Amino acid sequence: MRRIVVISFLVSALGTPLRSAEPIAPGQFAKLHALIKPSAGEDKWATIPWLTSLWEARKQAAAEGKPILLWEMDGHPLGCV
């Protein structure tokens, strides 16, 4: 099991060195992972049948008399980098 290590030589905006957190003990990893992992009810946005074509979304919205929600992000397609 890999240990998560925080870089200990960070410097704050004032130039004061910051102390790193202690590594996560292997026995605590599963508990912490379960704590931060999204629960089944937290990702309801993933159940929406999103369209990737703005033109197709526009046609469907017009046919159903509904508005369009445009979710747009700039940056790398695998995440804002």
C-alpha atoms as a PDB file:
ATOM      1  CA  MET A   1       0.000   0.000   0.000  1.00  0.00           C
ATOM      2  CA  ARG A   2       1.367   3.370  -0.960  1.00  0.00           C
ATOM      3  CA  ARG A   3       1.822   6.017   1.683  1.00  0.00           C
ATOM      4  CA  ILE A   4       0.756   9.555   0.998  1.00  0.00           C
ATOM      5  CA  VAL A   5       3.576  11.967   1.758  1.00  0.00           C
ATOM      6  CA  VAL A   6       3.204  15.726   1.903  1.00  0.00           C
ATOM      7  CA  ILE A   7       6.123  17.864   0.814  1.00  0.00           C
ATOM      8  CA  SER A   8       7.619  19.357   3.946  1.00  0.00           C
ATOM      9  CA  PHE A   9       9.484  22.292   2.444  1.00  0.00           C
ATOM     10  CA  LEU A  10       6.547  24.517   1.592  1.00  0.00           C
ATOM     11  CA  VAL A  11       6.832  28.192   2.293  1.00  0.00           C
ATOM     12  CA  SER A  12       3.865  30.396   3.152  1.00  0.00           C
ATOM     13  CA  ALA A  13       3.192  33.807   1.613  1.00  0.00           C
ATOM     14  CA  LEU A  14       5.146  35.393   4.468  1.00  0.00           C
ATOM     15  CA  GLY A  15       8.185  33.225   3.798  1.00  0.00           C
ATOM     16  CA  THR A  16       7.701  31.151   6.934  1.00  0.00           C
ATOM     17  CA  PRO A  17       8.428  27.443   6.410  1.00  0.00           C
ATOM     18  CA  LEU A  18       5.381  25.241   6.906  1.00  0.00           C
ATOM     19  CA  ARG A  19       5.471  21.847   8.600  1.00  0.00           C
ATOM     20  CA  SER A  20       4.141  18.890   6.684  1.00  0.00           C
ATOM     21  CA  ALA A  21       1.402  16.617   7.904  1.00  0.00           C
ATOM     22  CA  GLU A  22       2.321  13.220   9.220  1.00  0.00           C
ATOM     23  CA  PRO A  23       2.012  10.376   6.708  1.00  0.00           C
ATOM     24  CA  ILE A  24      -1.244   8.445   6.802  1.00  0.00           C
ATOM     25  CA  ALA A  25      -0.798   5.176   8.642  1.00  0.00           C
ATOM     26  CA  PRO A  26      -1.750   2.102   6.583  1.00  0.00           C
ATOM     27  CA  GLY A  27      -4.374   1.181   9.189  1.00  0.00           C
ATOM     28  CA  GLN A  28      -6.103   4.561   8.769  1.00  0.00           C
ATOM     29  CA  PHE A  29      -6.110   4.654   4.973  1.00  0.00           C
ATOM     30  CA  ALA A  30      -9.314   2.645   4.400  1.00  0.00           C
ATOM     31  CA  LYS A  31     -11.227   4.715   6.967  1.00  0.00           C
ATOM     32  CA  LEU A  32     -10.066   8.022   5.458  1.00  0.00           C
ATOM     33  CA  HIS A  33     -10.749   6.812   1.922  1.00  0.00           C
ATOM     34  CA  ALA A  34     -14.328   5.879   2.869  1.00  0.00           C
ATOM     35  CA  LEU A  35     -14.751   9.291   4.519  1.00  0.00           C
ATOM     36  CA  ILE A  36     -13.770  11.321   1.425  1.00  0.00           C
ATOM     37  CA  LYS A  37     -15.244   9.059  -1.293  1.00  0.00           C
ATOM     38  CA  PRO A  38     -18.510  10.517  -2.656  1.00  0.00           C
ATOM     39  CA  SER A  39     -21.580   8.569  -1.607  1.00  0.00           C
ATOM     40  CA  ALA A  40     -24.075   7.202  -4.139  1.00  0.00           C
ATOM     41  CA  GLY A  41     -26.415  10.177  -3.690  1.00  0.00           C
ATOM     42  CA  GLU A  42     -23.760  12.844  -4.238  1.00  0.00           C
ATOM     43  CA  ASP A  43     -23.267  12.422  -7.968  1.00  0.00           C
ATOM     44  CA  LYS A  44     -26.794  12.758  -9.332  1.00  0.00           C
ATOM     45  CA  TRP A  45     -25.465  15.019 -12.108  1.00  0.00           C
ATOM     46  CA  ALA A  46     -23.968  11.863 -13.647  1.00  0.00           C
ATOM     47  CA  THR A  47     -27.477  10.416 -14.178  1.00  0.00           C
ATOM     48  CA  ILE A  48     -28.488  13.256 -16.517  1.00  0.00           C
ATOM     49  CA  PRO A  49     -28.340  12.265 -20.213  1.00  0.00           C
ATOM     50  CA  TRP A  50     -25.950  15.092 -21.171  1.00  0.00           C
ATOM     51  CA  LEU A  51     -25.585  15.952 -24.861  1.00  0.00           C
ATOM     52  CA  THR A  52     -22.197  16.846 -26.316  1.00  0.00           C
ATOM     53  CA  SER A  53     -23.615  18.665 -29.344  1.00  0.00           C
ATOM     54  CA  LEU A  54     -24.929  22.158 -28.669  1.00  0.00           C
ATOM     55  CA  TRP A  55     -26.970  21.995 -31.892  1.00  0.00           C
ATOM     56  CA  GLU A  56     -28.637  18.702 -30.857  1.00  0.00           C
ATOM     57  CA  ALA A  57     -29.312  20.153 -27.388  1.00  0.00           C
ATOM     58  CA  ARG A  58     -30.863  23.252 -28.968  1.00  0.00           C
ATOM     59  CA  LYS A  59     -33.163  21.143 -31.170  1.00  0.00           C
ATOM     60  CA  GLN A  60     -34.229  18.940 -28.248  1.00  0.00           C
ATOM     61  CA  ALA A  61     -34.811  21.930 -25.957  1.00  0.00           C
ATOM     62  CA  ALA A  62     -36.933  23.665 -28.611  1.00  0.00           C
ATOM     63  CA  ALA A  63     -38.984  20.513 -29.228  1.00  0.00           C
ATOM     64  CA  GLU A  64     -39.632  20.029 -25.494  1.00  0.00           C
ATOM     65  CA  GLY A  65     -40.006  23.717 -24.619  1.00  0.00           C
ATOM     66  CA  LYS A  66     -37.169  23.526 -22.093  1.00  0.00           C
ATOM     67  CA  PRO A  67     -34.119  25.705 -21.442  1.00  0.00           C
ATOM     68  CA  ILE A  68     -30.527  24.602 -22.068  1.00  0.00           C
ATOM     69  CA  LEU A  69     -27.988  24.235 -19.273  1.00  0.00           C
ATOM     70  CA  LEU A  70     -24.547  24.732 -20.743  1.00  0.00           C
ATOM     71  CA  TRP A  71     -21.808  23.215 -18.589  1.00  0.00           C
ATOM     72  CA  GLU A  72     -18.573  24.521 -20.038  1.00  0.00           C
ATOM     73  CA  MET A  73     -15.018  24.371 -18.741  1.00  0.00           C
ATOM     74  CA  ASP A  74     -11.792  25.791 -20.096  1.00  0.00           C
ATOM     75  CA  GLY A  75      -8.555  23.896 -20.036  1.00  0.00           C
ATOM     76  CA  HIS A  76      -7.517  20.311 -20.547  1.00  0.00           C
ATOM     77  CA  PRO A  77     -10.411  17.939 -21.383  1.00  0.00           C
ATOM     78  CA  LEU A  78      -9.433  15.665 -18.484  1.00  0.00           C
ATOM     79  CA  GLY A  79      -9.669  18.513 -15.981  1.00  0.00           C
ATOM     80  CA  CYS A  80      -8.817  22.164 -15.588  1.00  0.00           C
ATOM     81  CA  VAL A  81      -5.037  22.118 -15.406  1.00  0.00           C
END
